Amino acid sequence: MTIEISDADAAPALHDAPRRQAGNSAAFWAATGIARGHEVIRRPGYLAVAGDARAGLRVLIQEPGLDADTVAEITALAHRASGPVDAEDPFSATDLSHLGMRHWQMPVMLRPAGPAAAPTMDVTRVRDSADLYAAEQAVIAGFELARFEPHRPGEMFPPSLITQPGVDVFVARIDGEVAGACVTVVHEGYGSHYWVGTPPAFRSRGVGRAVMLGSLAHLARVPVTLTASRLGRPLYESLGFTAATPSTWWSRR
């Protein structure tokens, strides 16, 4: 993976983090949709990936405060979706409450470019389908993604995902067994993390910290954003991330 940086990337601003996160999330989900063979819908105010009954519909809002016509388009997509619906609004400025979905907020966080400490366990970049499927299983178990059970290898992380521009998957191992995983994406001079997951059997053993440190080593030259859960936020703060603004997530199962 080649990382290009500019002078602007060297001094990231917290106020720009939501827009950077929005663009990076769109790049990640477009890559995921392409790898899965799902429909990728690109509009000025949002990007959507329309998947099957298990993957569902993913909507990534790209601008603060979408107009009524654009909200109507998203509404129509949600009504047509055959499976779950998930929408992410890093600006927390578009109201989707009329869809009757549950919603919550998580902070968009930003880490400036810089080195990271070495992980305390083996962390490697995924290069083959066997490790990719193990990473997939770790994420499904870590996030309790019932929609992908029973497990079908390559359904969540198809082999072509790691050939998409800027996309990498990392795994952490304990005694040779994959104990956690994450996905990183580099887009327009910023990195971002997704699916930082540890199965229940490996929790409280430093796996999440290790896989973050191992992946950050490959992102040392770029600022990095992510959206943090309540439980994950203390870890990310300890790694140099700062909360910028709340992101609103909407979901229907």
Protein backbone atom coordinates (compact mmCIF):
# COMPACT_ATOMS: atom_id res chain seq x y z
CA MET A 1 0.00 0.00 0.00
CA THR A 2 1.40 3.39 -0.99
CA ILE A 3 0.56 6.31 1.30
CA GLU A 4 0.68 9.83 -0.07
CA ILE A 5 0.71 12.80 2.30
CA SER A 6 0.63 16.55 1.96
CA ASP A 7 1.48 19.44 4.27
CA ALA A 8 -2.22 19.73 5.19
CA ASP A 9 -2.26 16.12 6.37
CA ALA A 10 0.53 16.83 8.86
CA ALA A 11 -1.69 19.08 11.02
CA PRO A 12 -5.19 17.58 11.13
CA ALA A 13 -7.97 19.67 12.65
CA LEU A 14 -10.64 18.23 14.94
CA HIS A 15 -13.37 20.21 13.18
CA ASP A 16 -12.53 18.42 9.92
CA ALA A 17 -12.65 14.94 11.46
CA PRO A 18 -16.36 14.27 10.69
CA ARG A 19 -15.91 15.00 7.00
CA ARG A 20 -12.76 12.89 6.85
CA GLN A 21 -14.52 10.05 8.63
CA ALA A 22 -17.48 10.35 6.27
CA GLY A 23 -15.27 10.11 3.20
CA ASN A 24 -13.23 7.25 4.61
CA SER A 25 -16.33 5.28 5.62
CA ALA A 26 -17.74 5.73 2.14
CA ALA A 27 -14.48 4.47 0.63
CA PHE A 28 -14.48 1.44 2.94
CA TRP A 29 -18.09 0.47 2.33
CA ALA A 30 -17.79 1.02 -1.42
CA ALA A 31 -14.78 -1.33 -1.42
CA THR A 32 -16.73 -3.84 0.67
CA GLY A 33 -19.76 -3.60 -1.62
CA ILE A 34 -17.63 -4.09 -4.73
CA ALA A 35 -15.88 -7.09 -3.17
CA ARG A 36 -19.23 -8.64 -2.23
CA GLY A 37 -20.79 -7.96 -5.62
CA HIS A 38 -23.45 -5.68 -4.12
CA GLU A 39 -24.92 -2.52 -5.62
CA VAL A 40 -22.98 0.65 -4.73
CA ILE A 41 -25.10 3.82 -5.02
CA ARG A 42 -23.21 7.12 -5.16
CA ARG A 43 -25.06 10.40 -4.65
CA PRO A 44 -23.78 13.92 -3.80
CA GLY A 45 -25.00 13.69 -0.19
CA TYR A 46 -24.55 10.01 0.58
CA LEU A 47 -23.20 6.66 -0.50
CA ALA A 48 -25.23 3.49 -0.05
CA VAL A 49 -24.49 -0.19 -0.48
CA ALA A 50 -27.55 -2.34 -1.13
CA GLY A 51 -26.76 -5.91 -0.14
CA ASP A 52 -28.69 -9.12 0.28
CA ALA A 53 -30.95 -10.25 3.13
CA ARG A 54 -27.99 -10.97 5.42
CA ALA A 55 -25.76 -7.99 4.66
CA GLY A 56 -28.61 -5.50 4.33
CA LEU A 57 -28.42 -1.83 3.37
CA ARG A 58 -25.64 0.50 4.53
CA VAL A 59 -25.99 4.29 4.15
CA LEU A 60 -23.04 6.62 4.67
CA ILE A 61 -24.06 10.28 4.91
CA GLN A 62 -21.47 12.58 3.36
CA GLU A 63 -22.79 16.09 4.02
CA PRO A 64 -24.24 17.82 7.10
CA GLY A 65 -28.01 18.29 6.97
CA LEU A 66 -29.30 16.53 3.85
CA ASP A 67 -32.21 18.18 2.04
CA ALA A 68 -35.72 16.71 1.91
CA ASP A 69 -35.31 15.16 -1.54
CA THR A 70 -32.14 13.33 -0.51
CA VAL A 71 -33.74 12.09 2.72
CA ALA A 72 -36.66 10.84 0.59
CA GLU A 73 -34.20 8.84 -1.55
CA ILE A 74 -32.69 7.24 1.56
CA THR A 75 -36.19 6.53 2.88
CA ALA A 76 -37.11 4.73 -0.34
CA LEU A 77 -33.92 2.65 -0.17
CA ALA A 78 -34.68 1.70 3.44
CA HIS A 79 -38.24 0.66 2.59
CA ARG A 80 -36.98 -1.53 -0.28
CA ALA A 81 -34.20 -3.17 1.75
CA SER A 82 -34.63 -6.92 2.12
CA GLY A 83 -32.49 -7.16 5.26
CA PRO A 84 -31.06 -4.99 8.04
CA VAL A 85 -30.60 -1.24 7.54
CA ASP A 86 -27.69 0.73 9.00
CA ALA A 87 -27.04 4.45 8.50
CA GLU A 88 -24.08 6.48 9.71
CA ASP A 89 -24.16 10.29 10.05
CA PRO A 90 -20.80 11.66 11.29
CA PHE A 91 -22.31 15.16 11.37
CA SER A 92 -25.36 14.22 13.50
CA ALA A 93 -27.35 16.68 11.36
CA THR A 94 -29.83 14.56 9.38
CA ASP A 95 -33.01 13.30 11.05
CA LEU A 96 -34.03 9.75 10.09
CA SER A 97 -36.40 9.21 13.02
CA HIS A 98 -39.37 8.78 10.67
CA LEU A 99 -37.90 5.39 9.69
CA GLY A 100 -38.56 4.08 13.19
CA MET A 101 -35.01 2.83 13.65
CA ARG A 102 -33.16 2.76 16.92
CA HIS A 103 -30.37 5.29 17.12
CA TRP A 104 -27.41 6.17 19.30
CA GLN A 105 -24.29 8.33 19.23
CA MET A 106 -20.59 7.49 19.27
CA PRO A 107 -17.67 9.92 19.04
CA VAL A 108 -15.63 10.43 15.88
CA MET A 109 -12.03 10.40 17.08
CA LEU A 110 -8.81 11.66 15.48
CA ARG A 111 -5.17 10.68 15.97
CA PRO A 112 -2.39 12.79 14.42
CA ALA A 113 0.26 11.15 12.29
CA GLY A 114 3.00 9.56 14.36
CA PRO A 115 4.62 6.30 15.42
CA ALA A 116 3.00 3.73 17.67
CA ALA A 117 4.52 1.43 20.25
CA ALA A 118 5.22 -2.18 19.30
CA PRO A 119 2.39 -4.62 20.12
CA THR A 120 2.96 -7.22 22.81
CA MET A 121 1.80 -10.09 20.59
CA ASP A 122 2.13 -11.13 16.98
CA VAL A 123 0.18 -8.82 14.63
CA THR A 124 0.37 -9.33 10.88
CA ARG A 125 -1.25 -8.01 7.75
CA VAL A 126 -3.53 -10.56 6.09
CA ARG A 127 -2.13 -11.91 2.83
CA ASP A 128 -4.18 -15.04 2.10
CA SER A 129 -7.71 -16.36 2.25
CA ALA A 130 -7.10 -18.59 5.29
CA ASP A 131 -6.10 -15.64 7.47
CA LEU A 132 -8.85 -13.51 5.97
CA TYR A 133 -11.49 -16.09 6.91
CA ALA A 134 -10.03 -16.31 10.43
CA ALA A 135 -10.23 -12.50 10.69
CA GLU A 136 -13.81 -12.66 9.46
CA GLN A 137 -14.73 -15.19 12.15
CA ALA A 138 -13.03 -13.09 14.84
CA VAL A 139 -15.01 -10.00 13.83
CA ILE A 140 -18.33 -11.88 13.60
CA ALA A 141 -17.79 -13.32 17.08
CA GLY A 142 -16.42 -10.08 18.52
CA PHE A 143 -19.37 -7.99 17.33
CA GLU A 144 -21.91 -10.78 17.77
CA LEU A 145 -23.04 -10.37 14.16
CA ALA A 146 -25.91 -12.84 14.14
CA ARG A 147 -26.79 -11.80 10.60
CA PHE A 148 -23.67 -13.65 9.38
CA GLU A 149 -24.41 -16.86 11.26
CA PRO A 150 -24.10 -19.63 10.35
CA HIS A 151 -20.68 -18.57 9.07
CA ARG A 152 -20.11 -18.70 5.32
CA PRO A 153 -16.40 -18.16 4.61
CA GLY A 154 -15.82 -15.10 2.45
CA GLU A 155 -19.31 -13.66 2.84
CA MET A 156 -18.35 -10.76 5.11
CA PHE A 157 -14.73 -10.41 3.95
CA PRO A 158 -14.51 -11.70 0.36
CA PRO A 159 -10.98 -12.52 -0.87
CA SER A 160 -11.02 -9.53 -3.22
CA LEU A 161 -11.51 -7.12 -0.28
CA ILE A 162 -7.78 -7.03 0.44
CA THR A 163 -7.07 -6.20 -3.20
CA GLN A 164 -9.20 -3.04 -3.03
CA PRO A 165 -7.14 0.19 -3.04
CA GLY A 166 -6.13 1.33 0.45
CA VAL A 167 -7.78 -1.59 2.29
CA ASP A 168 -5.85 -3.83 4.69
CA VAL A 169 -6.90 -6.42 7.27
CA PHE A 170 -4.77 -7.21 10.33
CA VAL A 171 -4.90 -10.11 12.77
CA ALA A 172 -3.43 -10.59 16.25
CA ARG A 173 -2.43 -14.07 17.39
CA ILE A 174 -2.06 -15.79 20.74
CA ASP A 175 -0.22 -19.13 20.60
CA GLY A 176 -0.66 -19.14 16.85
CA GLU A 177 -4.45 -18.72 16.96
CA VAL A 178 -6.17 -15.61 15.57
CA ALA A 179 -7.44 -13.75 18.64
CA GLY A 180 -8.57 -10.46 17.11
CA ALA A 181 -8.72 -8.47 13.91
CA CYS A 182 -9.33 -5.07 12.38
CA VAL A 183 -9.64 -3.41 8.99
CA THR A 184 -7.83 -0.21 7.99
CA VAL A 185 -8.51 2.05 5.03
CA VAL A 186 -6.42 4.90 3.65
CA HIS A 187 -8.35 7.47 1.61
CA GLU A 188 -7.24 10.94 0.53
CA GLY A 189 -4.33 11.07 2.97
CA TYR A 190 -6.22 9.85 6.04
CA GLY A 191 -6.43 6.41 7.60
CA SER A 192 -9.33 4.92 9.50
CA HIS A 193 -10.14 1.78 11.48
CA TYR A 194 -13.14 -0.55 11.20
CA TRP A 195 -14.23 -3.81 12.79
CA VAL A 196 -11.73 -3.82 15.67
CA GLY A 197 -13.00 -7.06 17.15
CA THR A 198 -11.98 -9.64 19.77
CA PRO A 199 -13.97 -12.85 20.31
CA PRO A 200 -15.20 -13.37 23.90
CA ALA A 201 -12.69 -16.19 24.53
CA PHE A 202 -9.76 -13.79 24.06
CA ARG A 203 -11.00 -10.67 25.82
CA SER A 204 -9.14 -8.96 28.68
CA ARG A 205 -5.80 -10.15 27.29
CA GLY A 206 -4.72 -7.00 25.46
CA VAL A 207 -5.74 -8.20 22.01
CA GLY A 208 -7.58 -5.01 21.03
CA ARG A 209 -4.60 -2.84 21.99
CA ALA A 210 -2.21 -5.14 20.15
CA VAL A 211 -4.13 -5.21 16.88
CA MET A 212 -4.53 -1.42 17.03
CA LEU A 213 -0.79 -0.88 17.64
CA GLY A 214 0.18 -3.34 14.93
CA SER A 215 -2.05 -1.66 12.37
CA LEU A 216 -1.09 1.88 13.44
CA ALA A 217 2.53 1.04 12.64
CA HIS A 218 1.48 0.93 8.98
CA LEU A 219 -0.36 4.27 9.29
CA ALA A 220 2.37 6.27 11.05
CA ARG A 221 2.61 8.88 8.27
CA VAL A 222 -1.08 9.78 8.14
CA PRO A 223 -3.71 11.08 10.58
CA VAL A 224 -6.24 8.41 11.53
CA THR A 225 -9.94 8.64 12.35
CA LEU A 226 -12.39 6.15 13.79
CA THR A 227 -15.79 5.99 15.45
CA ALA A 228 -15.54 4.67 19.00
CA SER A 229 -17.93 2.62 21.07
CA ARG A 230 -18.35 3.51 24.74
CA LEU A 231 -16.20 0.55 25.76
CA GLY A 232 -13.57 1.21 23.12
CA ARG A 233 -13.09 4.92 23.75
CA PRO A 234 -10.66 4.60 26.72
CA LEU A 235 -8.40 2.33 24.65
CA TYR A 236 -8.35 4.74 21.72
CA GLU A 237 -7.66 7.72 23.98
CA SER A 238 -4.68 5.85 25.42
CA LEU A 239 -3.39 5.42 21.86
CA GLY A 240 -3.50 9.16 21.13
CA PHE A 241 -7.00 9.59 19.68
CA THR A 242 -9.07 12.64 20.67
CA ALA A 243 -12.86 12.84 20.48
CA ALA A 244 -14.00 15.40 17.90
CA THR A 245 -17.78 15.26 17.65
CA PRO A 246 -20.63 12.76 18.08
CA SER A 247 -21.67 10.62 15.13
CA THR A 248 -25.27 9.39 15.00
CA TRP A 249 -25.97 5.81 13.95
CA TRP A 250 -29.35 4.43 12.93
CA SER A 251 -30.17 0.74 12.74
CA ARG A 252 -33.00 -1.65 11.92
CA ARG A 253 -32.56 -5.39 12.34
